[in-house]
């Protein structure tokens, strides 16, 4: 089990999240670790002067949609469906390692989850380079960082057992303030510019097998 990240649909997660006709998340216990997304410019120094190294980014609706879906896929792969707190194969493996006192496996699985979430952040950064999609990708990055914080807190407390690790993760989770990030990610206003830029003949399409459509 992982942290619960809020309510998305009226029934359950088998219904597709549709960011074209989405509704604000209902009041439910939302447990999300929050981190602050920080955009950085990487400078390359040469000849006594520094110049920014520009990273490629999405330049169209379709490029955004593809990278955005990849960011969501990374979140589901790393920690599972935030709405159900069911976890993922990776997070279950981490829990099993903590419960079994296998610190080597704890380190290995925590690192694997971190790498997946970092890959998601890279895709979110790429997608957010397209101006109409910048607002939701800021929140997506905060959510992904949030889960990294949660996993790191669990890893750090793993020697104290699964219950203590979960408590440490949850404490870090709530203290970071990610409820706001998750709520904003699911708020229609956050996606207003994205939807305004949607081609006239386009309809939301699912992100692979995930219960979400864009």
C-alpha atoms as a PDB file:
ATOM      1  CA  UNK A   1       0.000   0.000   0.000  1.00  0.00           C
ATOM      2  CA  UNK A   2       1.109   3.526  -0.668  1.00  0.00           C
ATOM      3  CA  UNK A   3      -0.108   7.005   0.174  1.00  0.00           C
ATOM      4  CA  UNK A   4      -3.633   7.918  -0.914  1.00  0.00           C
ATOM      5  CA  UNK A   5      -3.702  10.833  -3.304  1.00  0.00           C
ATOM      6  CA  UNK A   6      -7.336  11.818  -3.459  1.00  0.00           C
ATOM      7  CA  UNK A   7     -10.596  11.179  -5.285  1.00  0.00           C
ATOM      8  CA  UNK A   8     -10.807  11.558  -9.007  1.00  0.00           C
ATOM      9  CA  UNK A   9     -14.084  10.077 -10.199  1.00  0.00           C
ATOM     10  CA  UNK A  10     -17.566   9.597  -8.809  1.00  0.00           C
ATOM     11  CA  UNK A  11     -17.316   5.814  -8.745  1.00  0.00           C
ATOM     12  CA  UNK A  12     -13.861   4.302  -8.934  1.00  0.00           C
ATOM     13  CA  UNK A  13     -10.599   4.484 -10.788  1.00  0.00           C
ATOM     14  CA  UNK A  14     -11.830   2.196 -13.571  1.00  0.00           C
ATOM     15  CA  UNK A  15     -13.564   5.249 -15.026  1.00  0.00           C
ATOM     16  CA  UNK A  16     -11.285   7.298 -17.245  1.00  0.00           C
ATOM     17  CA  UNK A  17     -10.003  10.599 -15.925  1.00  0.00           C
ATOM     18  CA  UNK A  18     -10.826  13.044 -18.685  1.00  0.00           C
ATOM     19  CA  UNK A  19      -8.993  16.353 -18.505  1.00  0.00           C
ATOM     20  CA  UNK A  20     -11.322  17.832 -21.097  1.00  0.00           C
ATOM     21  CA  UNK A  21     -14.406  17.421 -18.919  1.00  0.00           C
ATOM     22  CA  UNK A  22     -12.829  16.866 -15.517  1.00  0.00           C
ATOM     23  CA  UNK A  23     -14.303  17.942 -12.220  1.00  0.00           C
ATOM     24  CA  UNK A  24     -12.478  19.145  -9.157  1.00  0.00           C
ATOM     25  CA  UNK A  25     -11.474  16.355  -6.769  1.00  0.00           C
ATOM     26  CA  UNK A  26     -14.006  15.620  -4.066  1.00  0.00           C
ATOM     27  CA  UNK A  27     -13.176  16.017  -0.406  1.00  0.00           C
ATOM     28  CA  UNK A  28     -11.508  12.837   0.700  1.00  0.00           C
ATOM     29  CA  UNK A  29      -8.446  11.994   2.686  1.00  0.00           C
ATOM     30  CA  UNK A  30      -5.618  13.040   0.419  1.00  0.00           C
ATOM     31  CA  UNK A  31      -2.166  11.936   1.347  1.00  0.00           C
ATOM     32  CA  UNK A  32       0.491  13.182  -0.898  1.00  0.00           C
ATOM     33  CA  UNK A  33       4.002  14.117  -0.265  1.00  0.00           C
ATOM     34  CA  UNK A  34       4.776  17.515  -1.651  1.00  0.00           C
ATOM     35  CA  UNK A  35       8.006  18.782  -2.945  1.00  0.00           C
ATOM     36  CA  UNK A  36       8.737  22.065  -4.608  1.00  0.00           C
ATOM     37  CA  UNK A  37       9.537  21.854  -8.300  1.00  0.00           C
ATOM     38  CA  UNK A  38      12.601  23.916  -9.140  1.00  0.00           C
ATOM     39  CA  UNK A  39      13.514  24.651 -12.737  1.00  0.00           C
ATOM     40  CA  UNK A  40      17.212  24.950 -13.365  1.00  0.00           C
ATOM     41  CA  UNK A  41      19.394  26.049 -16.214  1.00  0.00           C
ATOM     42  CA  UNK A  42      22.546  24.037 -16.727  1.00  0.00           C
ATOM     43  CA  UNK A  43      25.433  26.271 -17.685  1.00  0.00           C
ATOM     44  CA  UNK A  44      28.419  25.067 -19.671  1.00  0.00           C
ATOM     45  CA  UNK A  45      31.578  27.039 -19.110  1.00  0.00           C
ATOM     46  CA  UNK A  46      34.057  27.615 -21.895  1.00  0.00           C
ATOM     47  CA  UNK A  47      36.568  30.288 -22.720  1.00  0.00           C
ATOM     48  CA  UNK A  48      35.889  32.095 -19.456  1.00  0.00           C
ATOM     49  CA  UNK A  49      32.187  32.583 -20.184  1.00  0.00           C
ATOM     50  CA  UNK A  50      29.093  30.593 -19.315  1.00  0.00           C
ATOM     51  CA  UNK A  51      26.328  29.814 -21.747  1.00  0.00           C
ATOM     52  CA  UNK A  52      23.095  27.933 -21.063  1.00  0.00           C
ATOM     53  CA  UNK A  53      22.669  24.422 -22.432  1.00  0.00           C
ATOM     54  CA  UNK A  54      19.158  24.409 -23.837  1.00  0.00           C
ATOM     55  CA  UNK A  55      17.202  21.182 -23.442  1.00  0.00           C
ATOM     56  CA  UNK A  56      14.674  20.209 -26.108  1.00  0.00           C
ATOM     57  CA  UNK A  57      11.031  20.431 -25.205  1.00  0.00           C
ATOM     58  CA  UNK A  58       7.559  19.823 -26.586  1.00  0.00           C
ATOM     59  CA  UNK A  59       6.467  22.280 -29.260  1.00  0.00           C
ATOM     60  CA  UNK A  60       3.005  20.968 -30.126  1.00  0.00           C
ATOM     61  CA  UNK A  61      -0.187  19.542 -28.669  1.00  0.00           C
ATOM     62  CA  UNK A  62       0.710  16.013 -29.718  1.00  0.00           C
ATOM     63  CA  UNK A  63       4.252  16.191 -28.370  1.00  0.00           C
ATOM     64  CA  UNK A  64       2.865  17.449 -25.081  1.00  0.00           C
ATOM     65  CA  UNK A  65       0.246  14.727 -24.892  1.00  0.00           C
ATOM     66  CA  UNK A  66       2.815  11.989 -25.508  1.00  0.00           C
ATOM     67  CA  UNK A  67       5.296  13.257 -22.903  1.00  0.00           C
ATOM     68  CA  UNK A  68       2.522  14.014 -20.426  1.00  0.00           C
ATOM     69  CA  UNK A  69       1.247  10.443 -20.688  1.00  0.00           C
ATOM     70  CA  UNK A  70       4.784   9.154 -20.187  1.00  0.00           C
ATOM     71  CA  UNK A  71       5.043  11.177 -16.982  1.00  0.00           C
ATOM     72  CA  UNK A  72       1.796   9.660 -15.687  1.00  0.00           C
ATOM     73  CA  UNK A  73       2.976   6.198 -16.711  1.00  0.00           C
ATOM     74  CA  UNK A  74       6.175   6.696 -14.710  1.00  0.00           C
ATOM     75  CA  UNK A  75       4.178   7.636 -11.631  1.00  0.00           C
ATOM     76  CA  UNK A  76       1.991   4.529 -11.931  1.00  0.00           C
ATOM     77  CA  UNK A  77       5.039   2.339 -12.546  1.00  0.00           C
ATOM     78  CA  UNK A  78       6.928   3.763  -9.607  1.00  0.00           C
ATOM     79  CA  UNK A  79       4.279   4.015  -6.910  1.00  0.00           C
ATOM     80  CA  UNK A  80       1.005   2.818  -8.414  1.00  0.00           C
ATOM     81  CA  UNK A  81      -2.352   4.530  -8.711  1.00  0.00           C
ATOM     82  CA  UNK A  82      -2.382   7.467  -6.276  1.00  0.00           C
ATOM     83  CA  UNK A  83      -6.171   7.384  -6.062  1.00  0.00           C
ATOM     84  CA  UNK A  84      -6.342   3.817  -4.743  1.00  0.00           C
ATOM     85  CA  UNK A  85      -3.093   3.574  -2.760  1.00  0.00           C
ATOM     86  CA  UNK A  86      -2.717   0.074  -4.158  1.00  0.00           C
ATOM     87  CA  UNK A  87       0.976   0.534  -4.857  1.00  0.00           C
ATOM     88  CA  UNK A  88       3.022  -0.894  -7.717  1.00  0.00           C
ATOM     89  CA  UNK A  89       5.238  -3.917  -8.228  1.00  0.00           C
ATOM     90  CA  UNK A  90       8.201  -1.763  -7.303  1.00  0.00           C
ATOM     91  CA  UNK A  91       6.640  -0.294  -4.169  1.00  0.00           C
ATOM     92  CA  UNK A  92       5.426  -3.732  -3.080  1.00  0.00           C
ATOM     93  CA  UNK A  93       8.954  -5.057  -3.494  1.00  0.00           C
ATOM     94  CA  UNK A  94      10.234  -2.204  -1.337  1.00  0.00           C
ATOM     95  CA  UNK A  95       7.657  -2.949   1.346  1.00  0.00           C
ATOM     96  CA  UNK A  96       8.576  -6.640   1.306  1.00  0.00           C
ATOM     97  CA  UNK A  97      12.251  -5.812   1.643  1.00  0.00           C
ATOM     98  CA  UNK A  98      11.603  -3.508   4.601  1.00  0.00           C
ATOM     99  CA  UNK A  99       9.362  -6.073   6.282  1.00  0.00           C
ATOM    100  CA  UNK A 100      11.998  -8.770   5.771  1.00  0.00           C
ATOM    101  CA  UNK A 101      14.850  -6.623   7.026  1.00  0.00           C
ATOM    102  CA  UNK A 102      16.740  -6.988   3.737  1.00  0.00           C
ATOM    103  CA  UNK A 103      18.541  -3.643   3.683  1.00  0.00           C
ATOM    104  CA  UNK A 104      20.348  -4.386   0.420  1.00  0.00           C
ATOM    105  CA  UNK A 105      17.009  -4.997  -1.289  1.00  0.00           C
ATOM    106  CA  UNK A 106      15.601  -1.871   0.367  1.00  0.00           C
ATOM    107  CA  UNK A 107      18.362   0.233  -1.159  1.00  0.00           C
ATOM    108  CA  UNK A 108      17.992  -1.447  -4.527  1.00  0.00           C
ATOM    109  CA  UNK A 109      14.221  -1.056  -4.741  1.00  0.00           C
ATOM    110  CA  UNK A 110      14.196   2.494  -3.396  1.00  0.00           C
ATOM    111  CA  UNK A 111      16.786   3.445  -6.024  1.00  0.00           C
ATOM    112  CA  UNK A 112      14.731   1.781  -8.761  1.00  0.00           C
ATOM    113  CA  UNK A 113      11.618   3.716  -7.779  1.00  0.00           C
ATOM    114  CA  UNK A 114      13.598   6.948  -7.620  1.00  0.00           C
ATOM    115  CA  UNK A 115      14.967   6.372 -11.108  1.00  0.00           C
ATOM    116  CA  UNK A 116      11.486   5.743 -12.525  1.00  0.00           C
ATOM    117  CA  UNK A 117      10.112   8.881 -10.880  1.00  0.00           C
ATOM    118  CA  UNK A 118      13.064  10.901 -12.136  1.00  0.00           C
ATOM    119  CA  UNK A 119      12.351   9.668 -15.658  1.00  0.00           C
ATOM    120  CA  UNK A 120       8.793  10.875 -15.177  1.00  0.00           C
ATOM    121  CA  UNK A 121      10.063  14.275 -14.101  1.00  0.00           C
ATOM    122  CA  UNK A 122      12.164  14.482 -17.264  1.00  0.00           C
ATOM    123  CA  UNK A 123       9.080  13.792 -19.375  1.00  0.00           C
ATOM    124  CA  UNK A 124       7.079  16.333 -17.399  1.00  0.00           C
ATOM    125  CA  UNK A 125       9.793  18.928 -17.991  1.00  0.00           C
ATOM    126  CA  UNK A 126       9.777  18.136 -21.706  1.00  0.00           C
ATOM    127  CA  UNK A 127       5.977  18.403 -21.865  1.00  0.00           C
ATOM    128  CA  UNK A 128       5.926  21.600 -19.816  1.00  0.00           C
ATOM    129  CA  UNK A 129       8.112  23.369 -22.354  1.00  0.00           C
ATOM    130  CA  UNK A 130       4.983  23.737 -24.477  1.00  0.00           C
ATOM    131  CA  UNK A 131       3.416  26.869 -22.983  1.00  0.00           C
ATOM    132  CA  UNK A 132      -0.252  25.725 -22.900  1.00  0.00           C
ATOM    133  CA  UNK A 133       0.806  22.652 -20.928  1.00  0.00           C
ATOM    134  CA  UNK A 134       3.174  24.360 -18.498  1.00  0.00           C
ATOM    135  CA  UNK A 135       0.739  24.777 -15.595  1.00  0.00           C
ATOM    136  CA  UNK A 136      -0.215  21.108 -15.166  1.00  0.00           C
ATOM    137  CA  UNK A 137       3.364  19.952 -15.626  1.00  0.00           C
ATOM    138  CA  UNK A 138       4.531  22.199 -12.791  1.00  0.00           C
ATOM    139  CA  UNK A 139       2.080  20.357 -10.555  1.00  0.00           C
ATOM    140  CA  UNK A 140       3.022  16.983 -12.017  1.00  0.00           C
ATOM    141  CA  UNK A 141       6.655  17.638 -11.167  1.00  0.00           C
ATOM    142  CA  UNK A 142       5.685  18.566  -7.606  1.00  0.00           C
ATOM    143  CA  UNK A 143       3.740  15.322  -7.287  1.00  0.00           C
ATOM    144  CA  UNK A 144       6.615  13.220  -8.614  1.00  0.00           C
ATOM    145  CA  UNK A 145       9.104  14.934  -6.320  1.00  0.00           C
ATOM    146  CA  UNK A 146       6.619  14.334  -3.525  1.00  0.00           C
ATOM    147  CA  UNK A 147       6.680  10.604  -4.083  1.00  0.00           C
ATOM    148  CA  UNK A 148      10.470  10.682  -4.144  1.00  0.00           C
ATOM    149  CA  UNK A 149      10.374  12.310  -0.709  1.00  0.00           C
ATOM    150  CA  UNK A 150       7.988   9.626   0.531  1.00  0.00           C
ATOM    151  CA  UNK A 151      10.174   6.784  -0.738  1.00  0.00           C
ATOM    152  CA  UNK A 152      13.330   8.347   0.671  1.00  0.00           C
ATOM    153  CA  UNK A 153      11.709   8.710   4.091  1.00  0.00           C
ATOM    154  CA  UNK A 154      10.690   5.053   4.005  1.00  0.00           C
ATOM    155  CA  UNK A 155      14.193   4.013   2.982  1.00  0.00           C
ATOM    156  CA  UNK A 156      15.807   6.055   5.742  1.00  0.00           C
ATOM    157  CA  UNK A 157      13.570   4.501   8.399  1.00  0.00           C
ATOM    158  CA  UNK A 158      13.627   0.961   6.987  1.00  0.00           C
ATOM    159  CA  UNK A 159      15.836  -0.425   9.747  1.00  0.00           C
ATOM    160  CA  UNK A 160      13.046   0.325  12.231  1.00  0.00           C
ATOM    161  CA  UNK A 161      10.565  -1.944  10.460  1.00  0.00           C
ATOM    162  CA  UNK A 162       7.737  -1.501   7.987  1.00  0.00           C
ATOM    163  CA  UNK A 163       5.310   0.227  10.345  1.00  0.00           C
ATOM    164  CA  UNK A 164       7.883   2.816  11.390  1.00  0.00           C
ATOM    165  CA  UNK A 165       8.975   3.315   7.786  1.00  0.00           C
ATOM    166  CA  UNK A 166       5.390   3.910   6.694  1.00  0.00           C
ATOM    167  CA  UNK A 167       4.864   6.380   9.511  1.00  0.00           C
ATOM    168  CA  UNK A 168       8.033   8.238   8.573  1.00  0.00           C
ATOM    169  CA  UNK A 169       6.982   8.319   4.940  1.00  0.00           C
ATOM    170  CA  UNK A 170       3.519   9.572   5.793  1.00  0.00           C
ATOM    171  CA  UNK A 171       4.873  12.256   8.099  1.00  0.00           C
ATOM    172  CA  UNK A 172       7.191  13.540   5.371  1.00  0.00           C
ATOM    173  CA  UNK A 173       4.347  13.205   2.914  1.00  0.00           C
ATOM    174  CA  UNK A 174       1.954  15.412   4.837  1.00  0.00           C
ATOM    175  CA  UNK A 175       4.525  17.920   6.063  1.00  0.00           C
ATOM    176  CA  UNK A 176       5.573  18.695   2.489  1.00  0.00           C
ATOM    177  CA  UNK A 177       2.097  19.916   1.513  1.00  0.00           C
ATOM    178  CA  UNK A 178       1.503  17.867  -1.613  1.00  0.00           C
ATOM    179  CA  UNK A 179      -2.250  17.860  -1.174  1.00  0.00           C
ATOM    180  CA  UNK A 180      -2.150  21.227  -2.887  1.00  0.00           C
ATOM    181  CA  UNK A 181      -0.084  19.914  -5.803  1.00  0.00           C
ATOM    182  CA  UNK A 182      -2.346  16.920  -6.361  1.00  0.00           C
ATOM    183  CA  UNK A 183      -5.481  19.022  -6.038  1.00  0.00           C
ATOM    184  CA  UNK A 184      -4.168  21.534  -8.559  1.00  0.00           C
ATOM    185  CA  UNK A 185      -3.129  18.755 -10.940  1.00  0.00           C
ATOM    186  CA  UNK A 186      -6.735  17.525 -10.986  1.00  0.00           C
ATOM    187  CA  UNK A 187      -8.374  20.963 -11.125  1.00  0.00           C
ATOM    188  CA  UNK A 188      -9.918  21.914 -14.502  1.00  0.00           C
ATOM    189  CA  UNK A 189      -8.511  25.443 -14.318  1.00  0.00           C
ATOM    190  CA  UNK A 190      -4.973  24.034 -14.347  1.00  0.00           C
ATOM    191  CA  UNK A 191      -5.729  22.431 -17.723  1.00  0.00           C
ATOM    192  CA  UNK A 192      -7.591  25.413 -19.199  1.00  0.00           C
ATOM    193  CA  UNK A 193      -4.829  26.531 -21.570  1.00  0.00           C
ATOM    194  CA  UNK A 194      -4.155  22.958 -22.636  1.00  0.00           C
ATOM    195  CA  UNK A 195      -7.808  22.433 -23.507  1.00  0.00           C
ATOM    196  CA  UNK A 196      -8.010  25.804 -25.263  1.00  0.00           C
ATOM    197  CA  UNK A 197      -5.103  24.707 -27.491  1.00  0.00           C
ATOM    198  CA  UNK A 198      -6.692  21.346 -28.310  1.00  0.00           C
ATOM    199  CA  UNK A 199      -7.285  20.965 -32.082  1.00  0.00           C
ATOM    200  CA  UNK A 200     -10.938  21.422 -32.956  1.00  0.00           C
ATOM    201  CA  UNK A 201     -11.359  17.866 -34.223  1.00  0.00           C
ATOM    202  CA  UNK A 202      -9.474  16.229 -31.351  1.00  0.00           C
ATOM    203  CA  UNK A 203     -11.019  14.110 -28.602  1.00  0.00           C
ATOM    204  CA  UNK A 204      -9.314  12.910 -25.392  1.00  0.00           C
ATOM    205  CA  UNK A 205      -7.483   9.619 -25.788  1.00  0.00           C
ATOM    206  CA  UNK A 206      -6.350   7.248 -23.042  1.00  0.00           C
ATOM    207  CA  UNK A 207      -2.746   7.041 -21.927  1.00  0.00           C
ATOM    208  CA  UNK A 208      -2.135   3.412 -22.821  1.00  0.00           C
ATOM    209  CA  UNK A 209      -3.742   1.192 -20.203  1.00  0.00           C
ATOM    210  CA  UNK A 210      -3.901   3.892 -17.572  1.00  0.00           C
ATOM    211  CA  UNK A 211      -7.300   5.092 -16.294  1.00  0.00           C
ATOM    212  CA  UNK A 212      -6.699   8.608 -17.588  1.00  0.00           C
ATOM    213  CA  UNK A 213      -7.319  10.352 -20.907  1.00  0.00           C
ATOM    214  CA  UNK A 214      -6.012  13.559 -22.458  1.00  0.00           C
END
